[in-house]
Amino acid sequence: MPELPEVESLSRFLGEHVVGRTVARVHPVAIHALKTYDPPLTALEGRAFDRVTRHGKFLDLDAGGVHLVMHLARAGWVRWSERLPDTPPRPGKGPLALRVRLTEPEGTGFDVTEAGTQKRLAVHVVRDPLEVPGIARLGPDPLAESFTPAVFTGLLAGERRQIKGVLRDQSMIAGIGNAYSDEILHVARMSPFRLAAKLSDEEVAVLYAAIGSTLTDAVERARGLALRDLKAEKKSGLRVHGRAGEPCPVCGDTIREVSYSDSSMQYCPTCQTGGKILADRRMSRLLK
C-alpha cells in the first residue's frame, strides 16, 4: 500500500509534470472508483493544474479550484506516459481505473491503476478537499512543522490502544500505514503491543524521533526516482516489514511475524521485545 513517503514522491513528481498544463480529457474506466458526481469529472477538462499536494495518503491535484483527489488504497498507482494511446480506453477487467490526458505536449498524461480483486481505489472531484470524508478526519501530518513533540505527547495521553494501532490510525496521525509503523517501531526499539498511554516520557521522545527520521529518510531515498522505481525503492529500504525469516540488519536475530486475517506485522524480538516472541494471533500478550 502506498503510504506517506510514496504519496509524497508521487505528489512531487506530478507537481513537476502537470502544474501549468491543461486537462484535455478525463476518461473514467472503473466507475466504482469514482466516489462523487458533483462536480463531474468533465469539470476538470479545459482547466490547468495549479498545484499538487498531499493530505496523509491522499493525492490532491488542484485545477483552478476543482480538485481531483485520489486515495490509492492497497494496490493503486499512478503511471505517467509521454504518449498515451490515441484510442479512448474502454471499461473492462484490467487494472486501468482513470486516464487523464493533457493538451501539451499532445498525448501526454497519466493513468491511475489498481491491481488485484479488492477494488478500494477512491477518486473524488470536489471544490474543497475537506469535502472528502477521509481528509476531513485526518490527524496531524508527521512531516509538518506543526507536528511537535508536545502535539505527539498530547495525542498519546490517555490512549489505551497498542502503539502499532495508534500509529496506523489516520485520525491520530496522517499517512503512516502498516509498513512504516513496523519500521518506526523497529527504529524506536519498541514492541508493537506496548500500550500508548504506558510509554514513559523518554520512550515518547524516542518514538517521536523515530517517526521523523524514518519518514524523512524514506522520502529522501525516493527523491528524483521515476514513478516506476518507487515501489522497488520502498521494498529495498524496509528493514523489517515484509522480511519475516530474514536476519535483523541491526542485531542479526530472526525477524518474526504476527499474522492477522488481512495483514501482518514484522518485528525483531531482540531489538523490540526483550527476546520474547509475540503471539501469532489476535491478542496483545506475549507467549510464555
C-alpha atoms as a PDB file:
ATOM      1  CA  MET A   1       0.000   0.000   0.000  1.00  0.00           C
ATOM      2  CA  PRO A   2       1.362   3.461  -0.866  1.00  0.00           C
ATOM      3  CA  GLU A   3       1.994   5.334   2.379  1.00  0.00           C
ATOM      4  CA  LEU A   4       3.157   8.854   3.170  1.00  0.00           C
ATOM      5  CA  PRO A   5       6.644   8.628   1.591  1.00  0.00           C
ATOM      6  CA  GLU A   6       5.376   7.142  -1.682  1.00  0.00           C
ATOM      7  CA  VAL A   7       2.428   9.538  -1.913  1.00  0.00           C
ATOM      8  CA  GLU A   8       4.781  12.445  -1.158  1.00  0.00           C
ATOM      9  CA  SER A   9       7.003  11.302  -4.015  1.00  0.00           C
ATOM     10  CA  LEU A  10       4.008  10.940  -6.334  1.00  0.00           C
ATOM     11  CA  SER A  11       2.892  14.439  -5.357  1.00  0.00           C
ATOM     12  CA  ARG A  12       6.302  15.913  -6.143  1.00  0.00           C
ATOM     13  CA  PHE A  13       6.576  14.074  -9.449  1.00  0.00           C
ATOM     14  CA  LEU A  14       3.126  15.105 -10.613  1.00  0.00           C
ATOM     15  CA  GLY A  15       3.742  18.652  -9.429  1.00  0.00           C
ATOM     16  CA  GLU A  16       6.775  18.818 -11.708  1.00  0.00           C
ATOM     17  CA  HIS A  17       4.909  17.325 -14.676  1.00  0.00           C
ATOM     18  CA  VAL A  18       1.333  18.653 -14.623  1.00  0.00           C
ATOM     19  CA  VAL A  19       1.358  22.104 -12.985  1.00  0.00           C
ATOM     20  CA  GLY A  20       0.598  24.737 -15.594  1.00  0.00           C
ATOM     21  CA  ARG A  21      -0.696  22.194 -18.067  1.00  0.00           C
ATOM     22  CA  THR A  22      -4.306  21.885 -19.194  1.00  0.00           C
ATOM     23  CA  VAL A  23      -6.545  18.846 -18.982  1.00  0.00           C
ATOM     24  CA  ALA A  24      -7.789  17.787 -22.408  1.00  0.00           C
ATOM     25  CA  ARG A  25      -9.891  14.765 -21.443  1.00  0.00           C
ATOM     26  CA  VAL A  26     -10.624  12.660 -18.394  1.00  0.00           C
ATOM     27  CA  HIS A  27     -11.643   9.072 -19.076  1.00  0.00           C
ATOM     28  CA  PRO A  28     -13.347   7.195 -16.234  1.00  0.00           C
ATOM     29  CA  VAL A  29     -12.735   3.480 -16.780  1.00  0.00           C
ATOM     30  CA  ALA A  30     -13.597   1.871 -13.423  1.00  0.00           C
ATOM     31  CA  ILE A  31     -16.826   3.611 -12.442  1.00  0.00           C
ATOM     32  CA  HIS A  32     -16.778   2.046  -8.972  1.00  0.00           C
ATOM     33  CA  ALA A  33     -13.674   4.128  -8.152  1.00  0.00           C
ATOM     34  CA  LEU A  34     -15.486   7.433  -8.660  1.00  0.00           C
ATOM     35  CA  LYS A  35     -16.998   8.499  -5.341  1.00  0.00           C
ATOM     36  CA  THR A  36     -18.502  11.868  -6.300  1.00  0.00           C
ATOM     37  CA  TYR A  37     -20.649  13.234  -9.124  1.00  0.00           C
ATOM     38  CA  ASP A  38     -20.856  16.997  -8.449  1.00  0.00           C
ATOM     39  CA  PRO A  39     -18.702  18.499  -9.845  1.00  0.00           C
ATOM     40  CA  PRO A  40     -18.485  15.922 -12.642  1.00  0.00           C
ATOM     41  CA  LEU A  41     -15.164  14.639 -13.934  1.00  0.00           C
ATOM     42  CA  THR A  42     -15.670  16.764 -17.029  1.00  0.00           C
ATOM     43  CA  ALA A  43     -15.341  19.876 -14.839  1.00  0.00           C
ATOM     44  CA  LEU A  44     -11.589  19.272 -14.934  1.00  0.00           C
ATOM     45  CA  GLU A  45     -11.434  19.483 -18.723  1.00  0.00           C
ATOM     46  CA  GLY A  46     -10.131  22.782 -20.041  1.00  0.00           C
ATOM     47  CA  ARG A  47      -8.621  23.688 -16.669  1.00  0.00           C
ATOM     48  CA  ALA A  48      -4.922  23.875 -15.882  1.00  0.00           C
ATOM     49  CA  PHE A  49      -3.477  22.264 -12.802  1.00  0.00           C
ATOM     50  CA  ASP A  50      -2.281  24.903 -10.329  1.00  0.00           C
ATOM     51  CA  ARG A  51      -0.600  22.670  -7.773  1.00  0.00           C
ATOM     52  CA  VAL A  52      -0.332  19.135  -6.456  1.00  0.00           C
ATOM     53  CA  THR A  53      -0.373  18.469  -2.724  1.00  0.00           C
ATOM     54  CA  ARG A  54      -0.766  15.605  -0.283  1.00  0.00           C
ATOM     55  CA  HIS A  55      -3.129  15.070   2.634  1.00  0.00           C
ATOM     56  CA  GLY A  56      -1.916  11.988   4.504  1.00  0.00           C
ATOM     57  CA  LYS A  57      -2.190   9.237   1.863  1.00  0.00           C
ATOM     58  CA  PHE A  58      -4.473  11.327  -0.391  1.00  0.00           C
ATOM     59  CA  LEU A  59      -3.204  12.979  -3.593  1.00  0.00           C
ATOM     60  CA  ASP A  60      -4.763  16.354  -4.398  1.00  0.00           C
ATOM     61  CA  LEU A  61      -4.450  17.860  -7.885  1.00  0.00           C
ATOM     62  CA  ASP A  62      -5.922  21.378  -7.876  1.00  0.00           C
ATOM     63  CA  ALA A  63      -7.203  22.606 -11.252  1.00  0.00           C
ATOM     64  CA  GLY A  64      -8.386  26.151 -10.640  1.00  0.00           C
ATOM     65  CA  GLY A  65     -10.490  25.336  -7.596  1.00  0.00           C
ATOM     66  CA  VAL A  66     -11.685  21.955  -8.834  1.00  0.00           C
ATOM     67  CA  HIS A  67      -9.745  19.242  -7.053  1.00  0.00           C
ATOM     68  CA  LEU A  68      -9.009  15.752  -8.335  1.00  0.00           C
ATOM     69  CA  VAL A  69      -8.426  13.837  -5.098  1.00  0.00           C
ATOM     70  CA  MET A  70      -7.272  10.227  -5.119  1.00  0.00           C
ATOM     71  CA  HIS A  71      -6.664   7.603  -2.469  1.00  0.00           C
ATOM     72  CA  LEU A  72      -4.675   4.733  -3.928  1.00  0.00           C
ATOM     73  CA  ALA A  73      -5.713   2.237  -1.226  1.00  0.00           C
ATOM     74  CA  ARG A  74      -3.753  -1.015  -1.129  1.00  0.00           C
ATOM     75  CA  ALA A  75      -2.967  -1.632  -4.794  1.00  0.00           C
ATOM     76  CA  GLY A  76      -3.447   1.665  -6.615  1.00  0.00           C
ATOM     77  CA  TRP A  77      -0.749   3.524  -8.503  1.00  0.00           C
ATOM     78  CA  VAL A  78      -0.149   6.407 -10.928  1.00  0.00           C
ATOM     79  CA  ARG A  79       1.644   5.780 -14.232  1.00  0.00           C
ATOM     80  CA  TRP A  80       2.980   8.701 -16.249  1.00  0.00           C
ATOM     81  CA  SER A  81       3.125   8.483 -20.027  1.00  0.00           C
ATOM     82  CA  GLU A  82       4.764  10.713 -22.607  1.00  0.00           C
ATOM     83  CA  ARG A  83       2.475   9.153 -25.197  1.00  0.00           C
ATOM     84  CA  LEU A  84      -0.914   7.806 -24.164  1.00  0.00           C
ATOM     85  CA  PRO A  85      -2.788   5.601 -26.665  1.00  0.00           C
ATOM     86  CA  ASP A  86      -4.896   7.578 -29.137  1.00  0.00           C
ATOM     87  CA  THR A  87      -7.866   5.273 -28.685  1.00  0.00           C
ATOM     88  CA  PRO A  88     -10.026   6.091 -25.631  1.00  0.00           C
ATOM     89  CA  PRO A  89      -9.903   3.314 -23.026  1.00  0.00           C
ATOM     90  CA  ARG A  90     -12.886   1.021 -22.582  1.00  0.00           C
ATOM     91  CA  PRO A  91     -14.214  -0.297 -19.286  1.00  0.00           C
ATOM     92  CA  GLY A  92     -13.077  -3.836 -18.659  1.00  0.00           C
ATOM     93  CA  LYS A  93     -11.416  -6.187 -16.228  1.00  0.00           C
ATOM     94  CA  GLY A  94      -7.934  -4.659 -16.476  1.00  0.00           C
ATOM     95  CA  PRO A  95      -6.187  -2.524 -13.851  1.00  0.00           C
ATOM     96  CA  LEU A  96      -6.892   0.855 -15.502  1.00  0.00           C
ATOM     97  CA  ALA A  97      -9.285   2.980 -13.449  1.00  0.00           C
ATOM     98  CA  LEU A  98      -8.817   6.534 -14.750  1.00  0.00           C
ATOM     99  CA  ARG A  99      -6.929   8.257 -17.572  1.00  0.00           C
ATOM    100  CA  VAL A 100      -6.098  11.958 -17.625  1.00  0.00           C
ATOM    101  CA  ARG A 101      -4.889  13.321 -20.976  1.00  0.00           C
ATOM    102  CA  LEU A 102      -3.161  16.706 -21.124  1.00  0.00           C
ATOM    103  CA  THR A 103      -3.128  19.160 -24.024  1.00  0.00           C
ATOM    104  CA  GLU A 104       0.578  19.916 -24.313  1.00  0.00           C
ATOM    105  CA  PRO A 105       2.579  18.126 -25.434  1.00  0.00           C
ATOM    106  CA  GLU A 106      -0.137  16.230 -27.236  1.00  0.00           C
ATOM    107  CA  GLY A 107      -0.679  12.738 -25.883  1.00  0.00           C
ATOM    108  CA  THR A 108       0.998  13.163 -22.502  1.00  0.00           C
ATOM    109  CA  GLY A 109      -0.838  12.352 -19.290  1.00  0.00           C
ATOM    110  CA  PHE A 110      -1.230   9.715 -16.644  1.00  0.00           C
ATOM    111  CA  ASP A 111      -3.175   6.594 -15.817  1.00  0.00           C
ATOM    112  CA  VAL A 112      -4.483   5.668 -12.384  1.00  0.00           C
ATOM    113  CA  THR A 113      -4.457   1.899 -11.968  1.00  0.00           C
ATOM    114  CA  GLU A 114      -5.430  -0.670  -9.366  1.00  0.00           C
ATOM    115  CA  ALA A 115      -4.202  -4.249  -9.320  1.00  0.00           C
ATOM    116  CA  GLY A 116      -5.926  -7.231  -7.719  1.00  0.00           C
ATOM    117  CA  THR A 117      -9.531  -8.041  -6.994  1.00  0.00           C
ATOM    118  CA  GLN A 118     -10.103  -5.887  -3.901  1.00  0.00           C
ATOM    119  CA  LYS A 119     -11.135  -2.645  -5.560  1.00  0.00           C
ATOM    120  CA  ARG A 120     -10.710   0.111  -2.972  1.00  0.00           C
ATOM    121  CA  LEU A 121      -9.230   2.902  -5.067  1.00  0.00           C
ATOM    122  CA  ALA A 122     -11.164   6.135  -4.496  1.00  0.00           C
ATOM    123  CA  VAL A 123     -11.388   9.119  -6.865  1.00  0.00           C
ATOM    124  CA  HIS A 124     -13.147  12.332  -5.830  1.00  0.00           C
ATOM    125  CA  VAL A 125     -13.810  15.562  -7.711  1.00  0.00           C
ATOM    126  CA  VAL A 126     -14.560  18.310  -5.187  1.00  0.00           C
ATOM    127  CA  ARG A 127     -14.351  22.064  -4.737  1.00  0.00           C
ATOM    128  CA  ASP A 128     -12.755  21.719  -1.315  1.00  0.00           C
ATOM    129  CA  PRO A 129     -10.570  18.751  -0.232  1.00  0.00           C
ATOM    130  CA  LEU A 130     -12.300  18.789   3.146  1.00  0.00           C
ATOM    131  CA  GLU A 131     -15.433  17.567   1.363  1.00  0.00           C
ATOM    132  CA  VAL A 132     -13.670  14.180   1.183  1.00  0.00           C
ATOM    133  CA  PRO A 133     -14.600  12.417   4.447  1.00  0.00           C
ATOM    134  CA  GLY A 134     -11.235  10.700   4.750  1.00  0.00           C
ATOM    135  CA  ILE A 135      -9.395  14.021   4.564  1.00  0.00           C
ATOM    136  CA  ALA A 136     -11.740  15.730   6.997  1.00  0.00           C
ATOM    137  CA  ARG A 137     -10.942  13.035   9.580  1.00  0.00           C
ATOM    138  CA  LEU A 138      -7.164  13.191   9.238  1.00  0.00           C
ATOM    139  CA  GLY A 139      -4.934  13.834  12.206  1.00  0.00           C
ATOM    140  CA  PRO A 140      -1.783  15.963  12.007  1.00  0.00           C
ATOM    141  CA  ASP A 141       0.819  15.325   9.328  1.00  0.00           C
ATOM    142  CA  PRO A 142       4.003  13.897  10.894  1.00  0.00           C
ATOM    143  CA  LEU A 143       6.254  15.802   8.475  1.00  0.00           C
ATOM    144  CA  ALA A 144       4.615  19.174   9.147  1.00  0.00           C
ATOM    145  CA  GLU A 145       6.426  21.721  11.304  1.00  0.00           C
ATOM    146  CA  SER A 146       3.327  21.891  13.486  1.00  0.00           C
ATOM    147  CA  PHE A 147       3.792  18.226  14.466  1.00  0.00           C
ATOM    148  CA  THR A 148       5.842  18.997  17.570  1.00  0.00           C
ATOM    149  CA  PRO A 149       6.861  16.730  20.463  1.00  0.00           C
ATOM    150  CA  ALA A 150       4.162  18.414  22.568  1.00  0.00           C
ATOM    151  CA  VAL A 151       1.494  17.634  19.959  1.00  0.00           C
ATOM    152  CA  PHE A 152       2.603  13.994  19.788  1.00  0.00           C
ATOM    153  CA  THR A 153       2.653  13.663  23.560  1.00  0.00           C
ATOM    154  CA  GLY A 154      -0.869  15.053  23.707  1.00  0.00           C
ATOM    155  CA  LEU A 155      -2.096  12.534  21.154  1.00  0.00           C
ATOM    156  CA  LEU A 156      -0.848   9.621  23.260  1.00  0.00           C
ATOM    157  CA  ALA A 157      -2.160  10.886  26.579  1.00  0.00           C
ATOM    158  CA  GLY A 158      -4.839   8.517  27.858  1.00  0.00           C
ATOM    159  CA  GLU A 159      -4.644   6.366  24.708  1.00  0.00           C
ATOM    160  CA  ARG A 160      -5.199   2.764  25.823  1.00  0.00           C
ATOM    161  CA  ARG A 161      -4.613   1.086  22.471  1.00  0.00           C
ATOM    162  CA  GLN A 162      -1.460  -0.671  21.359  1.00  0.00           C
ATOM    163  CA  ILE A 163       1.065   1.703  19.856  1.00  0.00           C
ATOM    164  CA  LYS A 164       1.086  -0.106  16.484  1.00  0.00           C
ATOM    165  CA  GLY A 165      -2.640   0.603  16.067  1.00  0.00           C
ATOM    166  CA  VAL A 166      -2.257   4.202  17.181  1.00  0.00           C
ATOM    167  CA  LEU A 167       0.424   4.878  14.577  1.00  0.00           C
ATOM    168  CA  ARG A 168      -1.788   3.422  11.823  1.00  0.00           C
ATOM    169  CA  ASP A 169      -4.904   5.364  12.857  1.00  0.00           C
ATOM    170  CA  GLN A 170      -5.283   8.120  10.251  1.00  0.00           C
ATOM    171  CA  SER A 171      -7.378  10.224  12.625  1.00  0.00           C
ATOM    172  CA  MET A 172      -4.420  10.264  15.023  1.00  0.00           C
ATOM    173  CA  ILE A 173      -1.507  10.747  12.625  1.00  0.00           C
ATOM    174  CA  ALA A 174      -1.945  11.108   8.869  1.00  0.00           C
ATOM    175  CA  GLY A 175      -0.065   8.952   6.384  1.00  0.00           C
ATOM    176  CA  ILE A 176       1.514   6.114   8.366  1.00  0.00           C
ATOM    177  CA  GLY A 177       0.368   2.617   7.430  1.00  0.00           C
ATOM    178  CA  ASN A 178       1.280  -0.966   8.160  1.00  0.00           C
ATOM    179  CA  ALA A 179       4.762  -0.945   6.625  1.00  0.00           C
ATOM    180  CA  TYR A 180       6.136   2.268   8.081  1.00  0.00           C
ATOM    181  CA  SER A 181       4.627   1.670  11.508  1.00  0.00           C
ATOM    182  CA  ASP A 182       6.710  -1.546  11.600  1.00  0.00           C
ATOM    183  CA  GLU A 183       9.781   0.398  10.529  1.00  0.00           C
ATOM    184  CA  ILE A 184       9.232   3.196  13.039  1.00  0.00           C
ATOM    185  CA  LEU A 185       8.790   0.795  15.936  1.00  0.00           C
ATOM    186  CA  HIS A 186      11.932  -1.086  14.962  1.00  0.00           C
ATOM    187  CA  VAL A 187      13.945   2.138  14.889  1.00  0.00           C
ATOM    188  CA  ALA A 188      12.471   3.063  18.288  1.00  0.00           C
ATOM    189  CA  ARG A 189      13.242  -0.462  19.613  1.00  0.00           C
ATOM    190  CA  MET A 190       9.669  -0.733  20.840  1.00  0.00           C
ATOM    191  CA  SER A 191       7.172  -3.593  20.952  1.00  0.00           C
ATOM    192  CA  PRO A 192       4.140  -3.051  18.703  1.00  0.00           C
ATOM    193  CA  PHE A 193       1.963  -4.306  21.570  1.00  0.00           C
ATOM    194  CA  ARG A 194       3.002  -1.619  24.073  1.00  0.00           C
ATOM    195  CA  LEU A 195       0.062   0.458  25.301  1.00  0.00           C
ATOM    196  CA  ALA A 196       0.455   4.052  24.153  1.00  0.00           C
ATOM    197  CA  ALA A 197      -0.596   5.562  27.483  1.00  0.00           C
ATOM    198  CA  LYS A 198       2.022   3.498  29.336  1.00  0.00           C
ATOM    199  CA  LEU A 199       5.008   4.911  27.474  1.00  0.00           C
ATOM    200  CA  SER A 200       7.443   6.945  29.540  1.00  0.00           C
ATOM    201  CA  ASP A 201       8.422  10.488  28.568  1.00  0.00           C
ATOM    202  CA  GLU A 202      11.742   9.151  27.294  1.00  0.00           C
ATOM    203  CA  GLU A 203      10.048   6.469  25.202  1.00  0.00           C
ATOM    204  CA  VAL A 204       7.663   9.025  23.699  1.00  0.00           C
ATOM    205  CA  ALA A 205      10.633  11.205  22.755  1.00  0.00           C
ATOM    206  CA  VAL A 206      12.429   8.251  21.142  1.00  0.00           C
ATOM    207  CA  LEU A 207       9.296   7.274  19.213  1.00  0.00           C
ATOM    208  CA  TYR A 208       8.729  10.856  18.040  1.00  0.00           C
ATOM    209  CA  ALA A 209      12.299  10.997  16.700  1.00  0.00           C
ATOM    210  CA  ALA A 210      11.856   7.607  15.005  1.00  0.00           C
ATOM    211  CA  ILE A 211       8.732   8.823  13.187  1.00  0.00           C
ATOM    212  CA  GLY A 212      10.558  11.848  11.807  1.00  0.00           C
ATOM    213  CA  SER A 213      13.761  10.073  10.805  1.00  0.00           C
ATOM    214  CA  THR A 214      12.056   7.023   9.258  1.00  0.00           C
ATOM    215  CA  LEU A 215       9.639   9.005   7.114  1.00  0.00           C
ATOM    216  CA  THR A 216      12.151  11.687   6.139  1.00  0.00           C
ATOM    217  CA  ASP A 217      14.744   9.083   5.121  1.00  0.00           C
ATOM    218  CA  ALA A 218      12.157   7.241   3.002  1.00  0.00           C
ATOM    219  CA  VAL A 219      11.127  10.448   1.239  1.00  0.00           C
ATOM    220  CA  GLU A 220      14.750  11.366   0.544  1.00  0.00           C
ATOM    221  CA  ARG A 221      15.595   7.921  -0.832  1.00  0.00           C
ATOM    222  CA  ALA A 222      12.770   8.302  -3.345  1.00  0.00           C
ATOM    223  CA  ARG A 223      13.701  11.825  -4.426  1.00  0.00           C
ATOM    224  CA  GLY A 224      14.237  12.058  -8.160  1.00  0.00           C
ATOM    225  CA  LEU A 225      13.193   8.487  -8.932  1.00  0.00           C
ATOM    226  CA  ALA A 226      10.844   7.676 -11.785  1.00  0.00           C
ATOM    227  CA  LEU A 227       7.377   6.540 -10.732  1.00  0.00           C
ATOM    228  CA  ARG A 228       8.087   3.013 -11.948  1.00  0.00           C
ATOM    229  CA  ASP A 229      11.004   2.734  -9.497  1.00  0.00           C
ATOM    230  CA  LEU A 230       9.264   3.947  -6.333  1.00  0.00           C
ATOM    231  CA  LYS A 231       7.785   0.595  -5.307  1.00  0.00           C
ATOM    232  CA  ALA A 232      11.119  -1.182  -5.630  1.00  0.00           C
ATOM    233  CA  GLU A 233      12.821   1.555  -3.629  1.00  0.00           C
ATOM    234  CA  LYS A 234      10.273   1.225  -0.838  1.00  0.00           C
ATOM    235  CA  LYS A 235      10.751  -2.537  -0.616  1.00  0.00           C
ATOM    236  CA  SER A 236      14.549  -2.346  -0.667  1.00  0.00           C
ATOM    237  CA  GLY A 237      14.592   0.319   2.024  1.00  0.00           C
ATOM    238  CA  LEU A 238      12.448  -1.553   4.559  1.00  0.00           C
ATOM    239  CA  ARG A 239      14.419  -3.105   7.427  1.00  0.00           C
ATOM    240  CA  VAL A 240      11.817  -5.418   8.985  1.00  0.00           C
ATOM    241  CA  HIS A 241       8.465  -5.088   7.226  1.00  0.00           C
ATOM    242  CA  GLY A 242       7.928  -7.928   4.775  1.00  0.00           C
ATOM    243  CA  ARG A 243      11.164  -9.595   5.879  1.00  0.00           C
ATOM    244  CA  ALA A 244       9.977 -12.358   8.222  1.00  0.00           C
ATOM    245  CA  GLY A 245      12.590 -15.090   8.485  1.00  0.00           C
ATOM    246  CA  GLU A 246      15.452 -12.811   7.466  1.00  0.00           C
ATOM    247  CA  PRO A 247      18.155 -11.582   9.855  1.00  0.00           C
ATOM    248  CA  CYS A 248      17.624  -8.238  11.561  1.00  0.00           C
ATOM    249  CA  PRO A 249      20.014  -5.698   9.991  1.00  0.00           C
ATOM    250  CA  VAL A 250      20.794  -4.321  13.457  1.00  0.00           C
ATOM    251  CA  CYS A 251      21.346  -7.372  15.676  1.00  0.00           C
ATOM    252  CA  GLY A 252      21.126 -10.408  13.396  1.00  0.00           C
ATOM    253  CA  ASP A 253      18.196 -12.047  15.199  1.00  0.00           C
ATOM    254  CA  THR A 254      15.490 -13.608  13.014  1.00  0.00           C
ATOM    255  CA  ILE A 255      12.698 -11.200  12.115  1.00  0.00           C
ATOM    256  CA  ARG A 256       9.344 -12.540  13.297  1.00  0.00           C
ATOM    257  CA  GLU A 257       5.780 -12.041  12.124  1.00  0.00           C
ATOM    258  CA  VAL A 258       2.318 -11.711  13.640  1.00  0.00           C
ATOM    259  CA  SER A 259      -0.396 -12.560  11.111  1.00  0.00           C
ATOM    260  CA  TYR A 260      -3.958 -11.286  11.018  1.00  0.00           C
ATOM    261  CA  SER A 261      -6.822 -12.045   8.648  1.00  0.00           C
ATOM    262  CA  ASP A 262      -5.974  -9.246   6.214  1.00  0.00           C
ATOM    263  CA  SER A 263      -2.486  -8.096   7.185  1.00  0.00           C
ATOM    264  CA  SER A 264       0.673  -8.960   9.074  1.00  0.00           C
ATOM    265  CA  MET A 265       3.342  -7.142  11.001  1.00  0.00           C
ATOM    266  CA  GLN A 266       7.026  -7.867  11.423  1.00  0.00           C
ATOM    267  CA  TYR A 267       9.408  -7.112  14.286  1.00  0.00           C
ATOM    268  CA  CYS A 268      12.739  -8.112  15.798  1.00  0.00           C
ATOM    269  CA  PRO A 269      12.492  -9.893  19.183  1.00  0.00           C
ATOM    270  CA  THR A 270      15.954  -8.829  20.317  1.00  0.00           C
ATOM    271  CA  CYS A 271      15.567  -5.181  19.346  1.00  0.00           C
ATOM    272  CA  GLN A 272      11.932  -4.723  20.337  1.00  0.00           C
ATOM    273  CA  THR A 273      10.561  -7.262  22.821  1.00  0.00           C
ATOM    274  CA  GLY A 274      13.470  -8.278  25.017  1.00  0.00           C
ATOM    275  CA  GLY A 275      13.875 -11.509  23.090  1.00  0.00           C
ATOM    276  CA  LYS A 276      10.290 -12.671  23.602  1.00  0.00           C
ATOM    277  CA  ILE A 277       8.208 -13.966  20.692  1.00  0.00           C
ATOM    278  CA  LEU A 278       4.841 -12.275  20.255  1.00  0.00           C
ATOM    279  CA  ALA A 279       1.781 -14.493  19.956  1.00  0.00           C
ATOM    280  CA  ASP A 280       0.952 -15.001  16.313  1.00  0.00           C
ATOM    281  CA  ARG A 281      -2.771 -14.450  16.740  1.00  0.00           C
ATOM    282  CA  ARG A 282      -5.162 -11.597  17.511  1.00  0.00           C
ATOM    283  CA  MET A 283      -4.140 -10.861  21.073  1.00  0.00           C
ATOM    284  CA  SER A 284      -1.848  -8.430  22.806  1.00  0.00           C
ATOM    285  CA  ARG A 285       0.023 -10.717  25.160  1.00  0.00           C
ATOM    286  CA  LEU A 286       3.324 -12.494  24.867  1.00  0.00           C
ATOM    287  CA  LEU A 287       3.812 -16.220  24.618  1.00  0.00           C
ATOM    288  CA  LYS A 288       5.038 -17.643  27.885  1.00  0.00           C
END
